[in-house]
C-alpha atoms as a PDB file:
ATOM      1  CA  MET A   1     -17.261  -1.053  22.823  1.00  0.00           C
ATOM      2  CA  ALA A   2     -14.227  -0.010  20.757  1.00  0.00           C
ATOM      3  CA  ASN A   3     -12.784   1.938  23.643  1.00  0.00           C
ATOM      4  CA  SER A   4     -12.335  -1.265  25.667  1.00  0.00           C
ATOM      5  CA  TYR A   5      -9.704  -2.544  23.277  1.00  0.00           C
ATOM      6  CA  PRO A   6      -6.007  -1.595  23.208  1.00  0.00           C
ATOM      7  CA  ARG A   7      -4.889   0.151  20.004  1.00  0.00           C
ATOM      8  CA  ARG A   8      -1.192   0.328  20.725  1.00  0.00           C
ATOM      9  CA  PRO A   9       1.509  -2.263  20.088  1.00  0.00           C
ATOM     10  CA  ALA A  10       3.201  -3.573  23.213  1.00  0.00           C
ATOM     11  CA  ASP A  11       6.492  -1.763  22.445  1.00  0.00           C
ATOM     12  CA  GLU A  12       4.930   1.509  21.313  1.00  0.00           C
ATOM     13  CA  ALA A  13       7.768   3.749  22.547  1.00  0.00           C
ATOM     14  CA  HIS A  14      10.394   1.972  20.470  1.00  0.00           C
ATOM     15  CA  ARG A  15       7.974   1.739  17.502  1.00  0.00           C
ATOM     16  CA  LEU A  16       7.561   5.516  17.528  1.00  0.00           C
ATOM     17  CA  GLN A  17      11.346   5.888  17.700  1.00  0.00           C
ATOM     18  CA  ALA A  18      11.704   3.600  14.653  1.00  0.00           C
ATOM     19  CA  LEU A  19       9.054   5.685  12.853  1.00  0.00           C
ATOM     20  CA  ARG A  20      10.941   8.955  13.241  1.00  0.00           C
ATOM     21  CA  PRO A  21      13.267   8.654  10.171  1.00  0.00           C
ATOM     22  CA  TYR A  22      10.255   8.027   7.918  1.00  0.00           C
ATOM     23  CA  GLN A  23       8.526  11.122   9.253  1.00  0.00           C
ATOM     24  CA  LEU A  24      11.616  13.160   8.429  1.00  0.00           C
ATOM     25  CA  ILE A  25      11.742  12.199   4.768  1.00  0.00           C
ATOM     26  CA  THR A  26      11.636  15.619   3.157  1.00  0.00           C
ATOM     27  CA  SER A  27       9.763  14.747  -0.030  1.00  0.00           C
ATOM     28  CA  ILE A  28       8.125  11.407  -0.647  1.00  0.00           C
ATOM     29  CA  PRO A  29       5.886  12.417  -3.575  1.00  0.00           C
ATOM     30  CA  ASN A  30       7.642  12.006  -6.915  1.00  0.00           C
ATOM     31  CA  PRO A  31       6.796  10.177 -10.142  1.00  0.00           C
ATOM     32  CA  LEU A  32       8.180   6.854  -8.909  1.00  0.00           C
ATOM     33  CA  PHE A  33       6.150   6.754  -5.698  1.00  0.00           C
ATOM     34  CA  ASP A  34       3.083   8.185  -7.422  1.00  0.00           C
ATOM     35  CA  ASP A  35       3.171   5.464 -10.052  1.00  0.00           C
ATOM     36  CA  LEU A  36       3.788   2.760  -7.449  1.00  0.00           C
ATOM     37  CA  ILE A  37       0.630   3.653  -5.551  1.00  0.00           C
ATOM     38  CA  ARG A  38      -1.284   3.856  -8.826  1.00  0.00           C
ATOM     39  CA  LEU A  39       0.085   0.425  -9.742  1.00  0.00           C
ATOM     40  CA  THR A  40      -1.063  -0.972  -6.393  1.00  0.00           C
ATOM     41  CA  ALA A  41      -4.621   0.259  -6.990  1.00  0.00           C
ATOM     42  CA  MET A  42      -4.563  -1.241 -10.490  1.00  0.00           C
ATOM     43  CA  LEU A  43      -3.263  -4.618  -9.328  1.00  0.00           C
ATOM     44  CA  PHE A  44      -6.159  -5.045  -6.918  1.00  0.00           C
ATOM     45  CA  ASN A  45      -8.735  -3.198  -9.029  1.00  0.00           C
ATOM     46  CA  VAL A  46      -9.662  -0.842  -6.179  1.00  0.00           C
ATOM     47  CA  PRO A  47     -10.379   2.911  -6.239  1.00  0.00           C
ATOM     48  CA  ILE A  48      -8.211   3.703  -3.195  1.00  0.00           C
ATOM     49  CA  ALA A  49      -4.664   2.748  -2.231  1.00  0.00           C
ATOM     50  CA  ILE A  50      -2.676   4.358   0.583  1.00  0.00           C
ATOM     51  CA  VAL A  51       0.789   4.373   2.107  1.00  0.00           C
ATOM     52  CA  ALA A  52       0.089   5.457   5.675  1.00  0.00           C
ATOM     53  CA  LEU A  53       2.385   6.191   8.619  1.00  0.00           C
ATOM     54  CA  VAL A  54       0.846   5.439  12.036  1.00  0.00           C
ATOM     55  CA  GLU A  55       1.936   8.268  14.298  1.00  0.00           C
ATOM     56  CA  GLU A  56       1.325   8.772  18.006  1.00  0.00           C
ATOM     57  CA  SER A  57      -2.174  10.230  17.711  1.00  0.00           C
ATOM     58  CA  THR A  58      -2.868  10.399  13.974  1.00  0.00           C
ATOM     59  CA  VAL A  59      -2.408   8.353  10.814  1.00  0.00           C
ATOM     60  CA  GLN A  60      -0.686  10.313   8.068  1.00  0.00           C
ATOM     61  CA  PHE A  61      -1.408   9.487   4.428  1.00  0.00           C
ATOM     62  CA  ARG A  62       2.016  10.045   2.903  1.00  0.00           C
ATOM     63  CA  LEU A  63       0.884   8.700  -0.476  1.00  0.00           C
ATOM     64  CA  ASN A  64      -2.547   7.892  -1.776  1.00  0.00           C
ATOM     65  CA  VAL A  65      -4.686   7.499  -4.860  1.00  0.00           C
ATOM     66  CA  GLY A  66      -8.442   7.867  -4.679  1.00  0.00           C
ATOM     67  CA  LEU A  67      -8.920   9.883  -1.486  1.00  0.00           C
ATOM     68  CA  PRO A  68     -10.586  13.301  -1.701  1.00  0.00           C
ATOM     69  CA  ALA A  69      -8.163  16.192  -2.150  1.00  0.00           C
ATOM     70  CA  GLY A  70      -6.874  17.509   1.152  1.00  0.00           C
ATOM     71  CA  THR A  71      -7.321  14.210   3.013  1.00  0.00           C
ATOM     72  CA  ALA A  72      -3.901  14.106   4.618  1.00  0.00           C
ATOM     73  CA  ARG A  73      -4.491  12.353   7.927  1.00  0.00           C
ATOM     74  CA  GLU A  74      -7.114  10.912  10.256  1.00  0.00           C
ATOM     75  CA  PRO A  75      -7.358  10.353  14.019  1.00  0.00           C
ATOM     76  CA  ARG A  76      -5.553   7.204  15.015  1.00  0.00           C
ATOM     77  CA  ASP A  77      -8.519   5.940  17.019  1.00  0.00           C
ATOM     78  CA  GLU A  78     -10.621   5.998  13.827  1.00  0.00           C
ATOM     79  CA  SER A  79      -8.025   4.335  11.628  1.00  0.00           C
ATOM     80  CA  LEU A  80      -8.102   0.774  10.407  1.00  0.00           C
ATOM     81  CA  CYS A  81      -4.363   1.183   9.795  1.00  0.00           C
ATOM     82  CA  SER A  82      -3.875   1.480  13.579  1.00  0.00           C
ATOM     83  CA  VAL A  83      -5.457  -1.950  13.839  1.00  0.00           C
ATOM     84  CA  ALA A  84      -3.425  -3.374  10.940  1.00  0.00           C
ATOM     85  CA  ILE A  85      -0.087  -2.628  12.660  1.00  0.00           C
ATOM     86  CA  LEU A  86      -1.181  -4.821  15.579  1.00  0.00           C
ATOM     87  CA  GLN A  87      -1.279  -7.890  13.326  1.00  0.00           C
ATOM     88  CA  GLY A  88       1.506 -10.136  12.152  1.00  0.00           C
ATOM     89  CA  ASP A  89       0.162 -10.394   8.633  1.00  0.00           C
ATOM     90  CA  THR A  90      -2.448  -8.750   6.390  1.00  0.00           C
ATOM     91  CA  THR A  91      -5.583  -7.392   8.049  1.00  0.00           C
ATOM     92  CA  VAL A  92      -8.706  -7.829   5.965  1.00  0.00           C
ATOM     93  CA  PHE A  93     -12.260  -6.538   6.385  1.00  0.00           C
ATOM     94  CA  GLU A  94     -14.239  -7.840   3.419  1.00  0.00           C
ATOM     95  CA  ASN A  95     -17.519  -6.153   4.407  1.00  0.00           C
ATOM     96  CA  LEU A  96     -17.314  -3.354   6.960  1.00  0.00           C
ATOM     97  CA  GLU A  97     -21.064  -2.831   6.823  1.00  0.00           C
ATOM     98  CA  THR A  98     -21.996  -6.329   8.019  1.00  0.00           C
ATOM     99  CA  ALA A  99     -18.783  -7.079   9.943  1.00  0.00           C
ATOM    100  CA  PRO A 100     -17.287  -3.789  11.149  1.00  0.00           C
ATOM    101  CA  CYS A 101     -13.969  -3.434  12.912  1.00  0.00           C
ATOM    102  CA  GLU A 102     -14.464  -3.372  16.667  1.00  0.00           C
ATOM    103  CA  LEU A 103     -10.961  -2.100  17.439  1.00  0.00           C
ATOM    104  CA  ALA A 104     -11.407   1.357  15.947  1.00  0.00           C
ATOM    105  CA  GLU A 105     -14.012   4.085  16.100  1.00  0.00           C
ATOM    106  CA  PRO A 106     -16.199   4.053  12.974  1.00  0.00           C
ATOM    107  CA  GLY A 107     -16.012   7.793  12.140  1.00  0.00           C
ATOM    108  CA  PHE A 108     -13.604   7.779   9.178  1.00  0.00           C
ATOM    109  CA  VAL A 109     -15.024   4.582   7.686  1.00  0.00           C
ATOM    110  CA  GLN A 110     -18.528   6.010   7.806  1.00  0.00           C
ATOM    111  CA  ARG A 111     -17.591   9.453   6.495  1.00  0.00           C
ATOM    112  CA  MET A 112     -15.790   7.919   3.509  1.00  0.00           C
ATOM    113  CA  ASN A 113     -18.419   5.207   2.967  1.00  0.00           C
ATOM    114  CA  LEU A 114     -15.791   2.478   3.035  1.00  0.00           C
ATOM    115  CA  GLN A 115     -16.838  -1.168   2.927  1.00  0.00           C
ATOM    116  CA  PHE A 116     -13.649  -3.085   2.155  1.00  0.00           C
ATOM    117  CA  TYR A 117     -10.156  -2.742   3.646  1.00  0.00           C
ATOM    118  CA  ALA A 118      -6.960  -4.773   3.387  1.00  0.00           C
ATOM    119  CA  GLY A 119      -3.731  -3.558   4.941  1.00  0.00           C
ATOM    120  CA  SER A 120      -0.246  -5.013   5.223  1.00  0.00           C
ATOM    121  CA  PRO A 121       2.176  -3.538   7.799  1.00  0.00           C
ATOM    122  CA  LEU A 122       5.272  -1.659   6.677  1.00  0.00           C
ATOM    123  CA  ARG A 123       7.923  -3.240   8.886  1.00  0.00           C
ATOM    124  CA  THR A 124      11.386  -1.836   9.409  1.00  0.00           C
ATOM    125  CA  ALA A 125      14.474  -4.048   9.222  1.00  0.00           C
ATOM    126  CA  SER A 126      14.254  -4.374  13.010  1.00  0.00           C
ATOM    127  CA  GLY A 127      10.644  -5.533  12.794  1.00  0.00           C
ATOM    128  CA  PHE A 128       8.733  -2.461  13.954  1.00  0.00           C
ATOM    129  CA  PRO A 129       5.444  -1.732  12.105  1.00  0.00           C
ATOM    130  CA  VAL A 130       5.695   1.969  11.248  1.00  0.00           C
ATOM    131  CA  GLY A 131       2.832   2.120   8.802  1.00  0.00           C
ATOM    132  CA  VAL A 132       0.607   0.238   6.389  1.00  0.00           C
ATOM    133  CA  LEU A 133       0.115  -0.276   2.683  1.00  0.00           C
ATOM    134  CA  CYS A 134      -3.621  -0.627   2.249  1.00  0.00           C
ATOM    135  CA  VAL A 135      -6.180  -1.054  -0.516  1.00  0.00           C
ATOM    136  CA  ILE A 136      -9.756   0.122   0.012  1.00  0.00           C
ATOM    137  CA  ASP A 137     -13.072  -0.134  -1.784  1.00  0.00           C
ATOM    138  CA  ARG A 138     -16.543   1.308  -1.332  1.00  0.00           C
ATOM    139  CA  LEU A 139     -18.031  -2.094  -2.134  1.00  0.00           C
ATOM    140  CA  PRO A 140     -17.573  -5.396  -0.295  1.00  0.00           C
ATOM    141  CA  ARG A 141     -15.235  -7.879  -1.912  1.00  0.00           C
ATOM    142  CA  TYR A 142     -13.440 -11.167  -1.356  1.00  0.00           C
ATOM    143  CA  PHE A 143      -9.695 -11.013  -0.698  1.00  0.00           C
ATOM    144  CA  GLY A 144      -7.984 -14.365  -1.082  1.00  0.00           C
ATOM    145  CA  THR A 145      -4.658 -15.719   0.115  1.00  0.00           C
ATOM    146  CA  GLU A 146      -2.924 -14.953  -3.206  1.00  0.00           C
ATOM    147  CA  GLU A 147      -4.038 -11.337  -3.031  1.00  0.00           C
ATOM    148  CA  GLN A 148      -2.896 -11.103   0.579  1.00  0.00           C
ATOM    149  CA  ALA A 149       0.528 -12.505  -0.388  1.00  0.00           C
ATOM    150  CA  LEU A 150       0.805  -9.959  -3.221  1.00  0.00           C
ATOM    151  CA  LEU A 151      -0.078  -7.070  -0.885  1.00  0.00           C
ATOM    152  CA  GLU A 152       2.573  -8.252   1.570  1.00  0.00           C
ATOM    153  CA  ARG A 153       5.193  -8.360  -1.188  1.00  0.00           C
ATOM    154  CA  LEU A 154       4.238  -4.844  -2.257  1.00  0.00           C
ATOM    155  CA  SER A 155       4.424  -3.564   1.329  1.00  0.00           C
ATOM    156  CA  ASP A 156       7.934  -4.964   1.515  1.00  0.00           C
ATOM    157  CA  ILE A 157       8.819  -3.089  -1.686  1.00  0.00           C
ATOM    158  CA  VAL A 158       7.361   0.132  -0.276  1.00  0.00           C
ATOM    159  CA  ILE A 159       9.361  -0.010   2.958  1.00  0.00           C
ATOM    160  CA  ARG A 160      12.537  -0.816   0.982  1.00  0.00           C
ATOM    161  CA  LEU A 161      11.902   2.190  -1.244  1.00  0.00           C
ATOM    162  CA  LEU A 162      11.389   4.378   1.801  1.00  0.00           C
ATOM    163  CA  ASP A 163      14.591   2.998   3.337  1.00  0.00           C
ATOM    164  CA  LEU A 164      16.412   3.782   0.102  1.00  0.00           C
ATOM    165  CA  ARG A 165      15.067   7.315   0.193  1.00  0.00           C
ATOM    166  CA  ILE A 166      16.305   7.755   3.771  1.00  0.00           C
ATOM    167  CA  GLN A 167      19.670   6.276   2.803  1.00  0.00           C
ATOM    168  CA  SER A 168      19.963   8.683  -0.124  1.00  0.00           C
ATOM    169  CA  GLU A 169      19.071  11.710   1.981  1.00  0.00           C
ATOM    170  CA  ASN A 170      21.489  10.737   4.725  1.00  0.00           C
ATOM    171  CA  THR A 171      24.447  10.169   2.401  1.00  0.00           C
ATOM    172  CA  ASP A 172      24.725  11.973  -0.905  1.00  0.00           C
ATOM    173  CA  GLY A 173      21.317  13.653  -0.960  1.00  0.00           C
ATOM    174  CA  SER A 174      20.546  12.038  -4.302  1.00  0.00           C
ATOM    175  CA  GLN A 175      17.112  12.590  -5.742  1.00  0.00           C
ATOM    176  CA  PRO A 176      14.985  10.311  -7.917  1.00  0.00           C
ATOM    177  CA  GLY A 177      16.905  11.451 -10.982  1.00  0.00           C
ATOM    178  CA  SER A 178      19.733   9.042 -10.175  1.00  0.00           C
ATOM    179  CA  THR A 179      20.206   5.928 -12.314  1.00  0.00           C
ATOM    180  CA  LEU A 180      18.525   3.552  -9.881  1.00  0.00           C
ATOM    181  CA  TRP A 181      15.536   5.801  -9.259  1.00  0.00           C
ATOM    182  CA  THR A 182      15.110   6.242 -13.012  1.00  0.00           C
ATOM    183  CA  THR A 183      15.342   2.479 -13.590  1.00  0.00           C
ATOM    184  CA  LEU A 184      12.730   1.761 -10.932  1.00  0.00           C
ATOM    185  CA  TYR A 185      10.439   4.464 -12.258  1.00  0.00           C
ATOM    186  CA  ASP A 186      10.723   3.135 -15.818  1.00  0.00           C
ATOM    187  CA  GLN A 187       9.835  -0.373 -14.659  1.00  0.00           C
ATOM    188  CA  ILE A 188       6.755   0.786 -12.775  1.00  0.00           C
ATOM    189  CA  GLU A 189       5.566   3.166 -15.491  1.00  0.00           C
ATOM    190  CA  ALA A 190       5.895   0.497 -18.176  1.00  0.00           C
ATOM    191  CA  SER A 191       3.954  -1.965 -16.059  1.00  0.00           C
ATOM    192  CA  VAL A 192       1.191   0.572 -15.360  1.00  0.00           C
ATOM    193  CA  ASN A 193       0.854   1.178 -19.097  1.00  0.00           C
ATOM    194  CA  ARG A 194       0.774  -2.544 -19.956  1.00  0.00           C
ATOM    195  CA  LEU A 195      -1.809  -3.326 -17.271  1.00  0.00           C
ATOM    196  CA  GLY A 196      -3.921  -0.406 -18.419  1.00  0.00           C
ATOM    197  CA  THR A 197      -3.843  -1.665 -21.983  1.00  0.00           C
ATOM    198  CA  LEU A 198      -4.814  -5.199 -20.930  1.00  0.00           C
ATOM    199  CA  ALA A 199      -7.713  -3.848 -18.851  1.00  0.00           C
ATOM    200  CA  GLU A 200      -9.002  -1.811 -21.781  1.00  0.00           C
ATOM    201  CA  LEU A 201      -8.756  -4.765 -24.134  1.00  0.00           C
ATOM    202  CA  ALA A 202     -10.653  -6.964 -21.697  1.00  0.00           C
ATOM    203  CA  LYS A 203     -13.568  -4.482 -21.661  1.00  0.00           C
ATOM    204  CA  TRP A 204     -14.227  -5.245 -25.332  1.00  0.00           C
ATOM    205  CA  GLU A 205     -14.862  -8.933 -24.690  1.00  0.00           C
ATOM    206  CA  GLU A 206     -18.486 -10.109 -24.604  1.00  0.00           C
ATOM    207  CA  SER A 207     -17.725 -12.528 -21.791  1.00  0.00           C
ATOM    208  CA  SER A 208     -15.026 -13.022 -19.191  1.00  0.00           C
ATOM    209  CA  GLU A 209     -14.684 -16.595 -20.470  1.00  0.00           C
ATOM    210  CA  THR A 210     -13.778 -15.937 -24.094  1.00  0.00           C
ATOM    211  CA  ASP A 211     -10.363 -17.166 -25.205  1.00  0.00           C
ATOM    212  CA  ALA A 212      -9.143 -13.570 -25.493  1.00  0.00           C
ATOM    213  CA  ALA A 213     -10.446 -12.623 -22.028  1.00  0.00           C
ATOM    214  CA  VAL A 214      -8.692 -15.619 -20.480  1.00  0.00           C
ATOM    215  CA  ALA A 215      -5.490 -14.687 -22.331  1.00  0.00           C
ATOM    216  CA  TYR A 216      -5.717 -11.118 -21.032  1.00  0.00           C
ATOM    217  CA  ARG A 217      -6.083 -12.383 -17.445  1.00  0.00           C
ATOM    218  CA  THR A 218      -3.087 -14.682 -17.892  1.00  0.00           C
ATOM    219  CA  SER A 219      -1.009 -11.839 -19.305  1.00  0.00           C
ATOM    220  CA  THR A 220      -2.097  -9.600 -16.417  1.00  0.00           C
ATOM    221  CA  GLN A 221      -0.953 -12.137 -13.838  1.00  0.00           C
ATOM    222  CA  GLU A 222       2.336 -12.594 -15.663  1.00  0.00           C
ATOM    223  CA  GLU A 223       2.863  -8.840 -15.728  1.00  0.00           C
ATOM    224  CA  ILE A 224       2.143  -8.553 -12.017  1.00  0.00           C
ATOM    225  CA  GLY A 225       4.671 -11.238 -11.201  1.00  0.00           C
ATOM    226  CA  ARG A 226       7.268  -9.737 -13.524  1.00  0.00           C
ATOM    227  CA  VAL A 227       7.170  -6.204 -12.126  1.00  0.00           C
ATOM    228  CA  VAL A 228       7.031  -7.281  -8.469  1.00  0.00           C
ATOM    229  CA  ASP A 229       9.974  -9.646  -8.920  1.00  0.00           C
ATOM    230  CA  ALA A 230      11.993  -7.007 -10.789  1.00  0.00           C
ATOM    231  CA  LEU A 231      11.416  -4.314  -8.171  1.00  0.00           C
ATOM    232  CA  HIS A 232      12.227  -6.686  -5.315  1.00  0.00           C
ATOM    233  CA  GLU A 233      15.466  -7.795  -6.996  1.00  0.00           C
ATOM    234  CA  GLN A 234      16.590  -4.217  -7.703  1.00  0.00           C
ATOM    235  CA  LEU A 235      15.970  -3.072  -4.134  1.00  0.00           C
ATOM    236  CA  THR A 236      17.533  -6.159  -2.554  1.00  0.00           C
ATOM    237  CA  GLU A 237      20.739  -5.561  -4.534  1.00  0.00           C
ATOM    238  CA  ARG A 238      20.896  -1.886  -3.535  1.00  0.00           C
ATOM    239  CA  LEU A 239      20.120  -2.270   0.178  1.00  0.00           C
ATOM    240  CA  HIS A 240      22.380  -5.263   0.876  1.00  0.00           C
END
């Protein structure tokens, strides 16, 4: 059934050409990127978050939190990310057990016991989807329009950060110790700490409807908006 469906964008040759600079980034992992993927998992309260590059025959997990150690890539035909790059907006599977994806082989999903997936394409400035920012859970869950919009904003931040990394390597070779990288890292780290504190405080409430619990949720939403807006502003100023 799945084999009857196309899994390649119409302009696959040019998409793979656009992907090449991102494959050549010498060192993505660093504290800034590590904290960003941790932040993404925290914002959506999921155990797994991934920045994936969709290559010709495989999907490479350039960054992830929550996957078993050594899980670096998967066959493209088994990847939900290969389906996500075919879409114009966020791809969502709220319950893969009762409503599985018919555009990909089920091997990876079954091996990892995955039941929820949401992925937003990482699009280059010229519009090519070179990868996906995705959040994954082992339980079904609802994913509303506000969450989809947030994931799309974060995917835009991720591709801008990757573009900045390419720009740095192609010009002065600057590493994440530069002033901008340090500023971005500090913003993300501070937000991760604040969100973690709010989550811990919320656990002490007897009900999710107490005044304090409601206040914690409000503060959490405010923090999410603050950090996403700040990161977007910083990257827009640098890349334009």
